[in-house]
Amino acid sequence: MTARTGTGPIAMAADEVRSLPEERLGDLAGVANRVTWRSQSSMAGVLTLDAGHRLGTHAHRENHHHMWVVEGHAEILGRRLGPGSYVHVPSGVDHDIDASSTEGCTVFYLYLHAGEDGGSAAPTDLRPW
């Protein structure tokens, strides 16, 4: 199975997500990146850092980075976070996912383009029906 693109709906079982091919992030060891969906400017995926590894400090020029820790622990934005934790990193902000002193971690992430309004407009179509 490969990452989906475009605007159509998608549903993946856990074993399908685990079977997605790993996309390398540069020459980083101990990091598995599985992209579940992408468009021209945004993407979603699952990032796993093995114990003792980190991404390294970096910033995204245009996109906002949203992360939910699924399992394990990592230091993100100066805080040790575990399962159920959420992180938002606006574009241009330095950040790292550091599992160098933990048992490792898995995060689900969204890498979203802010759009022309900087992402500040509230969505108008979030109705429960």
N, C-alpha and C. Protein backbone atom coordinates (compact mmCIF):
# COMPACT_ATOMS: atom_id res chain seq x y z
N MET A 1 0.84 -1.17 0.00
CA MET A 1 0.00 0.00 0.00
C MET A 1 0.89 1.24 0.00
N THR A 2 0.44 2.29 -0.65
CA THR A 2 1.18 3.56 -0.67
C THR A 2 0.29 4.67 -0.14
N ALA A 3 0.90 5.80 0.18
CA ALA A 3 0.17 6.96 0.67
C ALA A 3 -0.82 7.41 -0.38
N ARG A 4 -1.97 7.86 0.07
CA ARG A 4 -2.99 8.38 -0.84
C ARG A 4 -2.74 9.85 -1.10
N THR A 5 -3.17 10.30 -2.25
CA THR A 5 -3.09 11.72 -2.59
C THR A 5 -4.45 12.18 -3.04
N GLY A 6 -4.65 13.48 -3.02
CA GLY A 6 -5.88 14.03 -3.53
C GLY A 6 -6.92 14.29 -2.46
N THR A 7 -8.18 14.37 -2.89
CA THR A 7 -9.25 14.79 -1.99
C THR A 7 -10.21 13.69 -1.62
N GLY A 8 -10.06 12.49 -2.15
CA GLY A 8 -10.99 11.41 -1.84
C GLY A 8 -10.83 10.89 -0.42
N PRO A 9 -11.86 10.23 0.09
CA PRO A 9 -11.79 9.69 1.45
C PRO A 9 -10.82 8.51 1.54
N ILE A 10 -10.35 8.27 2.75
CA ILE A 10 -9.41 7.17 2.98
C ILE A 10 -9.64 6.63 4.38
N ALA A 11 -9.55 5.33 4.52
CA ALA A 11 -9.60 4.66 5.82
C ALA A 11 -8.57 3.54 5.78
N MET A 12 -7.68 3.53 6.77
CA MET A 12 -6.63 2.51 6.83
C MET A 12 -6.68 1.82 8.18
N ALA A 13 -6.65 0.50 8.17
CA ALA A 13 -6.51 -0.26 9.40
C ALA A 13 -5.07 -0.15 9.89
N ALA A 14 -4.85 -0.42 11.16
CA ALA A 14 -3.52 -0.29 11.75
C ALA A 14 -2.47 -1.09 10.99
N ASP A 15 -2.80 -2.31 10.57
CA ASP A 15 -1.81 -3.11 9.85
C ASP A 15 -1.49 -2.50 8.48
N GLU A 16 -2.43 -1.79 7.87
CA GLU A 16 -2.16 -1.13 6.60
C GLU A 16 -1.22 0.06 6.80
N VAL A 17 -1.40 0.79 7.88
CA VAL A 17 -0.50 1.91 8.18
C VAL A 17 0.91 1.37 8.43
N ARG A 18 1.01 0.29 9.23
CA ARG A 18 2.33 -0.30 9.51
C ARG A 18 3.01 -0.83 8.25
N SER A 19 2.22 -1.21 7.24
CA SER A 19 2.81 -1.78 6.03
C SER A 19 3.18 -0.72 4.98
N LEU A 20 2.88 0.55 5.26
CA LEU A 20 3.29 1.60 4.33
C LEU A 20 4.81 1.65 4.25
N PRO A 21 5.34 1.98 3.09
CA PRO A 21 6.80 2.07 2.97
C PRO A 21 7.35 3.21 3.81
N GLU A 22 8.52 3.01 4.36
CA GLU A 22 9.18 4.07 5.12
C GLU A 22 9.82 5.05 4.16
N GLU A 23 9.60 6.34 4.43
CA GLU A 23 10.23 7.39 3.65
C GLU A 23 11.32 8.00 4.52
N ARG A 24 12.54 7.95 4.07
CA ARG A 24 13.68 8.45 4.85
C ARG A 24 13.60 9.96 5.01
N LEU A 25 14.06 10.41 6.14
CA LEU A 25 14.21 11.83 6.41
C LEU A 25 15.71 12.13 6.42
N GLY A 26 16.22 12.46 5.28
CA GLY A 26 17.65 12.69 5.15
C GLY A 26 18.42 11.42 5.47
N ASP A 27 19.48 11.57 6.27
CA ASP A 27 20.30 10.42 6.65
C ASP A 27 20.08 10.02 8.11
N LEU A 28 18.91 10.38 8.66
CA LEU A 28 18.64 10.08 10.06
C LEU A 28 18.48 8.58 10.29
N ALA A 29 19.17 8.07 11.28
CA ALA A 29 19.02 6.67 11.69
C ALA A 29 17.99 6.63 12.82
N GLY A 30 17.30 5.50 12.95
CA GLY A 30 16.37 5.32 14.05
C GLY A 30 15.07 6.06 13.91
N VAL A 31 14.75 6.50 12.69
CA VAL A 31 13.52 7.25 12.44
C VAL A 31 12.79 6.61 11.27
N ALA A 32 11.52 6.24 11.50
CA ALA A 32 10.68 5.69 10.45
C ALA A 32 9.54 6.66 10.18
N ASN A 33 9.38 7.07 8.93
CA ASN A 33 8.33 7.99 8.53
C ASN A 33 7.43 7.29 7.53
N ARG A 34 6.17 7.14 7.87
CA ARG A 34 5.19 6.52 6.97
C ARG A 34 4.12 7.56 6.64
N VAL A 35 4.09 7.97 5.40
CA VAL A 35 3.15 8.99 4.96
C VAL A 35 1.82 8.32 4.62
N THR A 36 0.74 8.80 5.25
CA THR A 36 -0.58 8.23 5.00
C THR A 36 -1.35 8.97 3.93
N TRP A 37 -1.06 10.28 3.79
CA TRP A 37 -1.76 11.11 2.80
C TRP A 37 -0.91 12.32 2.48
N ARG A 38 -1.01 12.80 1.25
CA ARG A 38 -0.31 14.03 0.89
C ARG A 38 -1.04 14.74 -0.25
N SER A 39 -0.88 16.06 -0.26
CA SER A 39 -1.31 16.89 -1.37
C SER A 39 -0.07 17.65 -1.83
N GLN A 40 -0.26 18.66 -2.66
CA GLN A 40 0.90 19.43 -3.12
C GLN A 40 1.56 20.22 -2.00
N SER A 41 0.79 20.59 -0.96
CA SER A 41 1.36 21.45 0.08
C SER A 41 1.20 20.92 1.50
N SER A 42 0.52 19.81 1.70
CA SER A 42 0.27 19.29 3.04
C SER A 42 0.48 17.78 3.06
N MET A 43 0.63 17.23 4.27
CA MET A 43 0.75 15.78 4.38
C MET A 43 0.38 15.32 5.79
N ALA A 44 0.11 14.04 5.91
CA ALA A 44 -0.18 13.41 7.19
C ALA A 44 0.60 12.10 7.24
N GLY A 45 0.98 11.70 8.45
CA GLY A 45 1.71 10.45 8.55
C GLY A 45 1.99 10.05 9.97
N VAL A 46 2.73 8.97 10.09
CA VAL A 46 3.13 8.42 11.38
C VAL A 46 4.65 8.38 11.41
N LEU A 47 5.20 8.99 12.45
CA LEU A 47 6.64 9.08 12.62
C LEU A 47 7.03 8.31 13.87
N THR A 48 7.97 7.39 13.74
CA THR A 48 8.43 6.60 14.87
C THR A 48 9.92 6.86 15.07
N LEU A 49 10.28 7.23 16.30
CA LEU A 49 11.68 7.42 16.68
C LEU A 49 12.06 6.31 17.63
N ASP A 50 13.11 5.59 17.31
CA ASP A 50 13.60 4.55 18.21
C ASP A 50 14.23 5.19 19.44
N ALA A 51 14.29 4.42 20.51
CA ALA A 51 14.94 4.89 21.73
C ALA A 51 16.34 5.39 21.39
N GLY A 52 16.71 6.52 21.98
CA GLY A 52 18.04 7.06 21.78
C GLY A 52 18.21 7.91 20.53
N HIS A 53 17.13 8.22 19.82
CA HIS A 53 17.24 8.99 18.58
C HIS A 53 16.42 10.27 18.65
N ARG A 54 16.73 11.18 17.75
CA ARG A 54 16.01 12.46 17.66
C ARG A 54 16.02 12.93 16.21
N LEU A 55 15.13 13.87 15.91
CA LEU A 55 15.11 14.46 14.56
C LEU A 55 16.19 15.51 14.39
N GLY A 56 16.43 16.30 15.42
CA GLY A 56 17.32 17.44 15.32
C GLY A 56 16.50 18.71 15.15
N THR A 57 17.00 19.79 15.67
CA THR A 57 16.27 21.06 15.63
C THR A 57 16.11 21.53 14.20
N HIS A 58 14.89 21.92 13.87
CA HIS A 58 14.57 22.40 12.53
C HIS A 58 13.32 23.27 12.60
N ALA A 59 13.03 23.98 11.53
CA ALA A 59 11.82 24.79 11.40
C ALA A 59 11.25 24.57 10.00
N HIS A 60 9.95 24.71 9.88
CA HIS A 60 9.29 24.60 8.58
C HIS A 60 8.97 26.01 8.10
N ARG A 61 9.32 26.30 6.87
CA ARG A 61 9.19 27.66 6.34
C ARG A 61 7.74 28.11 6.18
N GLU A 62 6.87 27.24 5.72
CA GLU A 62 5.51 27.66 5.41
C GLU A 62 4.44 26.90 6.17
N ASN A 63 4.68 25.66 6.47
CA ASN A 63 3.62 24.81 7.03
C ASN A 63 3.60 24.79 8.55
N HIS A 64 2.41 24.60 9.08
CA HIS A 64 2.22 24.35 10.50
C HIS A 64 2.38 22.86 10.73
N HIS A 65 2.93 22.49 11.88
CA HIS A 65 3.16 21.09 12.21
C HIS A 65 2.30 20.76 13.43
N HIS A 66 1.38 19.82 13.27
CA HIS A 66 0.54 19.34 14.37
C HIS A 66 0.96 17.91 14.67
N MET A 67 1.11 17.57 15.96
CA MET A 67 1.53 16.23 16.34
C MET A 67 0.72 15.73 17.53
N TRP A 68 0.39 14.46 17.51
CA TRP A 68 -0.22 13.77 18.64
C TRP A 68 0.67 12.59 18.99
N VAL A 69 1.12 12.53 20.23
CA VAL A 69 1.94 11.40 20.66
C VAL A 69 1.02 10.19 20.83
N VAL A 70 1.32 9.13 20.10
CA VAL A 70 0.49 7.92 20.12
C VAL A 70 1.00 6.93 21.17
N GLU A 71 2.32 6.76 21.22
CA GLU A 71 2.91 5.88 22.24
C GLU A 71 4.32 6.32 22.54
N GLY A 72 4.80 5.94 23.70
CA GLY A 72 6.14 6.30 24.12
C GLY A 72 6.21 7.74 24.61
N HIS A 73 7.43 8.24 24.70
CA HIS A 73 7.67 9.60 25.20
C HIS A 73 8.77 10.27 24.39
N ALA A 74 8.69 11.60 24.31
CA ALA A 74 9.74 12.40 23.66
C ALA A 74 9.68 13.80 24.24
N GLU A 75 10.80 14.49 24.10
CA GLU A 75 10.81 15.90 24.47
C GLU A 75 10.52 16.71 23.21
N ILE A 76 9.48 17.54 23.30
CA ILE A 76 9.07 18.39 22.19
C ILE A 76 8.77 19.77 22.77
N LEU A 77 9.36 20.79 22.20
CA LEU A 77 9.20 22.17 22.68
C LEU A 77 9.52 22.30 24.16
N GLY A 78 10.56 21.58 24.59
CA GLY A 78 11.03 21.68 25.97
C GLY A 78 10.21 20.93 26.99
N ARG A 79 9.26 20.10 26.54
CA ARG A 79 8.43 19.34 27.48
C ARG A 79 8.51 17.86 27.18
N ARG A 80 8.55 17.04 28.21
CA ARG A 80 8.49 15.58 28.03
C ARG A 80 7.02 15.22 27.89
N LEU A 81 6.67 14.68 26.73
CA LEU A 81 5.27 14.39 26.42
C LEU A 81 5.09 12.90 26.16
N GLY A 82 3.91 12.40 26.52
CA GLY A 82 3.57 11.00 26.33
C GLY A 82 2.26 10.83 25.60
N PRO A 83 1.74 9.60 25.58
CA PRO A 83 0.53 9.28 24.83
C PRO A 83 -0.63 10.22 25.14
N GLY A 84 -1.28 10.67 24.06
CA GLY A 84 -2.41 11.57 24.19
C GLY A 84 -2.03 13.04 24.14
N SER A 85 -0.74 13.35 24.18
CA SER A 85 -0.29 14.74 24.15
C SER A 85 -0.40 15.30 22.74
N TYR A 86 -0.66 16.61 22.66
CA TYR A 86 -0.80 17.31 21.39
C TYR A 86 0.20 18.45 21.32
N VAL A 87 0.72 18.71 20.14
CA VAL A 87 1.69 19.78 19.91
C VAL A 87 1.31 20.51 18.63
N HIS A 88 1.36 21.84 18.66
CA HIS A 88 1.23 22.64 17.45
C HIS A 88 2.48 23.50 17.34
N VAL A 89 3.15 23.44 16.20
CA VAL A 89 4.33 24.25 15.94
C VAL A 89 4.05 25.11 14.71
N PRO A 90 3.87 26.42 14.90
CA PRO A 90 3.65 27.30 13.75
C PRO A 90 4.87 27.31 12.84
N SER A 91 4.66 27.71 11.60
CA SER A 91 5.78 27.81 10.66
C SER A 91 6.81 28.78 11.21
N GLY A 92 8.07 28.47 10.94
CA GLY A 92 9.17 29.32 11.36
C GLY A 92 9.69 29.09 12.76
N VAL A 93 9.06 28.21 13.55
CA VAL A 93 9.46 27.97 14.94
C VAL A 93 10.37 26.74 15.01
N ASP A 94 11.55 26.91 15.60
CA ASP A 94 12.47 25.78 15.79
C ASP A 94 11.85 24.76 16.73
N HIS A 95 12.02 23.48 16.38
CA HIS A 95 11.51 22.40 17.24
C HIS A 95 12.28 21.12 16.92
N ASP A 96 12.11 20.15 17.79
CA ASP A 96 12.75 18.85 17.67
C ASP A 96 11.79 17.82 18.24
N ILE A 97 11.93 16.59 17.83
CA ILE A 97 11.28 15.46 18.50
C ILE A 97 12.45 14.64 19.01
N ASP A 98 12.66 14.67 20.32
CA ASP A 98 13.86 14.11 20.93
C ASP A 98 13.51 12.93 21.82
N ALA A 99 13.82 11.74 21.34
CA ALA A 99 13.61 10.52 22.12
C ALA A 99 14.95 9.94 22.55
N SER A 100 15.98 10.80 22.62
CA SER A 100 17.32 10.31 22.94
C SER A 100 17.45 9.81 24.37
N SER A 101 16.56 10.25 25.27
CA SER A 101 16.62 9.76 26.65
C SER A 101 15.34 9.05 27.06
N THR A 102 14.59 8.54 26.07
CA THR A 102 13.34 7.83 26.37
C THR A 102 13.34 6.46 25.69
N GLU A 103 12.24 5.76 25.85
CA GLU A 103 12.08 4.45 25.23
C GLU A 103 11.69 4.56 23.76
N GLY A 104 11.66 5.78 23.23
CA GLY A 104 11.24 6.01 21.85
C GLY A 104 9.80 6.51 21.84
N CYS A 105 9.32 6.88 20.66
CA CYS A 105 7.95 7.36 20.57
C CYS A 105 7.42 7.22 19.16
N THR A 106 6.10 7.27 19.08
CA THR A 106 5.39 7.31 17.81
C THR A 106 4.44 8.48 17.85
N VAL A 107 4.47 9.30 16.81
CA VAL A 107 3.55 10.43 16.71
C VAL A 107 2.79 10.36 15.39
N PHE A 108 1.53 10.75 15.45
CA PHE A 108 0.76 11.00 14.24
C PHE A 108 0.90 12.48 13.98
N TYR A 109 1.19 12.87 12.74
CA TYR A 109 1.40 14.28 12.46
C TYR A 109 0.61 14.75 11.25
N LEU A 110 0.33 16.02 11.27
CA LEU A 110 -0.22 16.74 10.13
C LEU A 110 0.75 17.87 9.83
N TYR A 111 1.08 18.03 8.60
CA TYR A 111 1.98 19.07 8.14
C TYR A 111 1.14 19.88 7.15
N LEU A 112 0.55 20.99 7.63
CA LEU A 112 -0.49 21.69 6.89
C LEU A 112 -0.07 23.08 6.45
N HIS A 113 -0.38 23.38 5.21
CA HIS A 113 -0.12 24.71 4.69
C HIS A 113 -1.11 25.67 5.33
N ALA A 114 -0.60 26.81 5.80
CA ALA A 114 -1.44 27.78 6.51
C ALA A 114 -2.39 28.52 5.59
N GLY A 115 -2.09 28.62 4.33
CA GLY A 115 -2.94 29.36 3.40
C GLY A 115 -2.66 30.86 3.47
N GLU A 116 -3.38 31.58 2.69
CA GLU A 116 -3.15 33.02 2.58
C GLU A 116 -3.46 33.78 3.85
N ASP A 117 -4.39 33.28 4.68
CA ASP A 117 -4.78 34.02 5.89
C ASP A 117 -3.93 33.65 7.09
N GLY A 118 -2.89 32.85 6.89
CA GLY A 118 -2.03 32.47 7.99
C GLY A 118 -2.64 31.42 8.90
N GLY A 119 -3.76 30.85 8.47
CA GLY A 119 -4.39 29.78 9.25
C GLY A 119 -5.24 30.28 10.39
N SER A 120 -5.55 31.59 10.42
CA SER A 120 -6.27 32.13 11.56
C SER A 120 -7.78 32.07 11.42
N ALA A 121 -8.29 31.86 10.24
CA ALA A 121 -9.73 31.84 10.05
C ALA A 121 -10.32 30.57 10.64
N ALA A 122 -11.44 30.72 11.34
CA ALA A 122 -12.11 29.56 11.92
C ALA A 122 -12.88 28.83 10.82
N PRO A 123 -12.81 27.50 10.79
CA PRO A 123 -13.58 26.77 9.78
C PRO A 123 -15.07 26.95 10.05
N THR A 124 -15.82 27.01 8.97
CA THR A 124 -17.27 27.22 9.10
C THR A 124 -18.08 25.96 8.83
N ASP A 125 -17.42 24.87 8.51
CA ASP A 125 -18.15 23.67 8.13
C ASP A 125 -17.99 22.53 9.12
N LEU A 126 -17.74 22.83 10.38
CA LEU A 126 -17.56 21.79 11.39
C LEU A 126 -18.88 21.56 12.12
N ARG A 127 -19.80 20.92 11.46
CA ARG A 127 -21.10 20.62 12.05
C ARG A 127 -21.16 19.13 12.38
N PRO A 128 -21.81 18.75 13.48
CA PRO A 128 -21.86 17.34 13.87
C PRO A 128 -22.88 16.54 13.06
N TRP A 129 -23.46 17.08 12.03
CA TRP A 129 -24.44 16.35 11.24
C TRP A 129 -24.10 16.37 9.79
